[in-house]
C-alpha atoms as a PDB file:
ATOM      1  CA  UNK A   1      32.634   3.771  -7.515  1.00  0.00           C
ATOM      2  CA  UNK A   2      30.339   0.393  -8.345  1.00  0.00           C
ATOM      3  CA  UNK A   3      29.446   0.406  -4.470  1.00  0.00           C
ATOM      4  CA  UNK A   4      28.852   4.117  -4.041  1.00  0.00           C
ATOM      5  CA  UNK A   5      26.686   3.334  -7.417  1.00  0.00           C
ATOM      6  CA  UNK A   6      24.739   0.497  -4.863  1.00  0.00           C
ATOM      7  CA  UNK A   7      23.914   2.700  -1.808  1.00  0.00           C
ATOM      8  CA  UNK A   8      22.255   5.554  -3.934  1.00  0.00           C
ATOM      9  CA  UNK A   9      18.647   3.839  -3.734  1.00  0.00           C
ATOM     10  CA  UNK A  10      19.215   3.739  -0.162  1.00  0.00           C
ATOM     11  CA  UNK A  11      20.539   7.528   0.193  1.00  0.00           C
ATOM     12  CA  UNK A  12      17.448   8.298  -1.824  1.00  0.00           C
ATOM     13  CA  UNK A  13      15.372   5.921   0.097  1.00  0.00           C
ATOM     14  CA  UNK A  14      16.622   7.593   3.737  1.00  0.00           C
ATOM     15  CA  UNK A  15      16.361  11.674   2.490  1.00  0.00           C
ATOM     16  CA  UNK A  16      12.896  10.496   1.150  1.00  0.00           C
ATOM     17  CA  UNK A  17      11.464   9.539   3.954  1.00  0.00           C
ATOM     18  CA  UNK A  18      12.837  12.066   6.049  1.00  0.00           C
ATOM     19  CA  UNK A  19      11.344  15.183   3.868  1.00  0.00           C
ATOM     20  CA  UNK A  20       7.997  13.096   4.254  1.00  0.00           C
ATOM     21  CA  UNK A  21       7.832  12.326   7.578  1.00  0.00           C
ATOM     22  CA  UNK A  22       9.149  15.484   8.755  1.00  0.00           C
ATOM     23  CA  UNK A  23       6.081  17.288   6.912  1.00  0.00           C
ATOM     24  CA  UNK A  24       4.334  15.862   9.010  1.00  0.00           C
ATOM     25  CA  UNK A  25       6.261  17.911  12.360  1.00  0.00           C
ATOM     26  CA  UNK A  26       4.685  20.937  11.419  1.00  0.00           C
ATOM     27  CA  UNK A  27       0.982  20.237  12.083  1.00  0.00           C
ATOM     28  CA  UNK A  28       2.068  18.770  14.831  1.00  0.00           C
ATOM     29  CA  UNK A  29       3.425  21.182  16.418  1.00  0.00           C
ATOM     30  CA  UNK A  30       1.165  23.580  15.594  1.00  0.00           C
ATOM     31  CA  UNK A  31      -2.215  21.552  16.501  1.00  0.00           C
ATOM     32  CA  UNK A  32       0.058  21.034  20.191  1.00  0.00           C
ATOM     33  CA  UNK A  33       0.008  24.506  20.325  1.00  0.00           C
ATOM     34  CA  UNK A  34      -3.129  25.765  19.022  1.00  0.00           C
ATOM     35  CA  UNK A  35      -4.901  22.987  21.371  1.00  0.00           C
ATOM     36  CA  UNK A  36      -7.021  22.336  18.233  1.00  0.00           C
ATOM     37  CA  UNK A  37      -7.605  19.323  15.587  1.00  0.00           C
ATOM     38  CA  UNK A  38     -10.481  20.674  13.981  1.00  0.00           C
ATOM     39  CA  UNK A  39      -9.131  21.469  10.494  1.00  0.00           C
ATOM     40  CA  UNK A  40      -8.260  17.290  10.940  1.00  0.00           C
ATOM     41  CA  UNK A  41     -10.563  14.705  10.219  1.00  0.00           C
ATOM     42  CA  UNK A  42     -10.502  11.711  11.419  1.00  0.00           C
ATOM     43  CA  UNK A  43     -11.457   9.680   7.765  1.00  0.00           C
ATOM     44  CA  UNK A  44      -8.666  11.564   6.579  1.00  0.00           C
ATOM     45  CA  UNK A  45      -6.340  10.065   9.968  1.00  0.00           C
ATOM     46  CA  UNK A  46      -7.473   6.868   9.961  1.00  0.00           C
ATOM     47  CA  UNK A  47      -7.132   5.764   6.337  1.00  0.00           C
ATOM     48  CA  UNK A  48      -3.544   7.306   6.203  1.00  0.00           C
ATOM     49  CA  UNK A  49      -2.576   5.494   9.204  1.00  0.00           C
ATOM     50  CA  UNK A  50      -3.677   1.729   7.556  1.00  0.00           C
ATOM     51  CA  UNK A  51      -1.227   3.340   4.248  1.00  0.00           C
ATOM     52  CA  UNK A  52       1.019   3.523   6.666  1.00  0.00           C
ATOM     53  CA  UNK A  53       0.956   0.133   8.088  1.00  0.00           C
ATOM     54  CA  UNK A  54       0.742  -1.247   5.177  1.00  0.00           C
ATOM     55  CA  UNK A  55       3.684   0.575   3.854  1.00  0.00           C
ATOM     56  CA  UNK A  56       5.449  -1.119   7.050  1.00  0.00           C
ATOM     57  CA  UNK A  57       4.247  -4.637   5.829  1.00  0.00           C
ATOM     58  CA  UNK A  58       5.862  -4.624   2.734  1.00  0.00           C
ATOM     59  CA  UNK A  59       9.008  -2.864   3.882  1.00  0.00           C
ATOM     60  CA  UNK A  60       9.948  -5.593   6.734  1.00  0.00           C
ATOM     61  CA  UNK A  61       8.824  -7.586   4.243  1.00  0.00           C
ATOM     62  CA  UNK A  62      11.897  -6.785   1.799  1.00  0.00           C
ATOM     63  CA  UNK A  63      13.582  -5.538   4.887  1.00  0.00           C
ATOM     64  CA  UNK A  64      13.892  -2.007   3.260  1.00  0.00           C
ATOM     65  CA  UNK A  65      15.488   0.408   5.991  1.00  0.00           C
ATOM     66  CA  UNK A  66      14.063   3.485   4.313  1.00  0.00           C
ATOM     67  CA  UNK A  67      10.810   2.105   4.654  1.00  0.00           C
ATOM     68  CA  UNK A  68      10.684   0.660   8.130  1.00  0.00           C
ATOM     69  CA  UNK A  69      12.240   3.391   9.412  1.00  0.00           C
ATOM     70  CA  UNK A  70       9.849   6.541   7.886  1.00  0.00           C
ATOM     71  CA  UNK A  71       6.724   4.665   8.691  1.00  0.00           C
ATOM     72  CA  UNK A  72       7.261   3.650  11.745  1.00  0.00           C
ATOM     73  CA  UNK A  73       7.779   7.577  13.021  1.00  0.00           C
ATOM     74  CA  UNK A  74       4.827   9.137  10.828  1.00  0.00           C
ATOM     75  CA  UNK A  75       2.862   5.887  12.368  1.00  0.00           C
ATOM     76  CA  UNK A  76       3.790   8.458  16.263  1.00  0.00           C
ATOM     77  CA  UNK A  77       3.169  11.343  14.748  1.00  0.00           C
ATOM     78  CA  UNK A  78       0.067  10.071  13.027  1.00  0.00           C
ATOM     79  CA  UNK A  79      -0.932   8.308  16.256  1.00  0.00           C
ATOM     80  CA  UNK A  80       0.078  11.706  18.220  1.00  0.00           C
ATOM     81  CA  UNK A  81      -2.075  13.682  15.881  1.00  0.00           C
ATOM     82  CA  UNK A  82      -5.380  11.209  16.687  1.00  0.00           C
ATOM     83  CA  UNK A  83      -4.743  11.814  20.584  1.00  0.00           C
ATOM     84  CA  UNK A  84      -4.429  15.441  20.432  1.00  0.00           C
ATOM     85  CA  UNK A  85      -8.238  15.908  18.349  1.00  0.00           C
ATOM     86  CA  UNK A  86      -9.784  13.552  20.334  1.00  0.00           C
ATOM     87  CA  UNK A  87      -8.242  14.867  23.561  1.00  0.00           C
ATOM     88  CA  UNK A  88      -9.101  18.526  22.533  1.00  0.00           C
ATOM     89  CA  UNK A  89     -12.596  18.036  20.793  1.00  0.00           C
ATOM     90  CA  UNK A  90     -13.946  19.024  23.661  1.00  0.00           C
ATOM     91  CA  UNK A  91     -12.420  22.404  23.896  1.00  0.00           C
ATOM     92  CA  UNK A  92     -13.611  26.101  22.425  1.00  0.00           C
ATOM     93  CA  UNK A  93     -10.336  27.890  20.037  1.00  0.00           C
ATOM     94  CA  UNK A  94     -10.430  31.639  20.287  1.00  0.00           C
ATOM     95  CA  UNK A  95      -7.851  32.070  17.949  1.00  0.00           C
END
């Protein structure tokens, strides 16, 4: 019983990391399909990226797998959004 209780924080961390990271996937798909990221600001994306980097460092210090994995994946997704925003900024989108 005691061993199971010790895994609860790890399970909670993994589920929380998965859900918060997965929340970016619809935005990435929407941006890719529309070919536009005009509704995303560079300021928000860069500040979020810096925050994720700090969370990653924190996770590495704590050796916390949920924090490390979630932040690495989210960093990739945010970098992808930044790339798409810069790539699509020249396009005219007809909705």
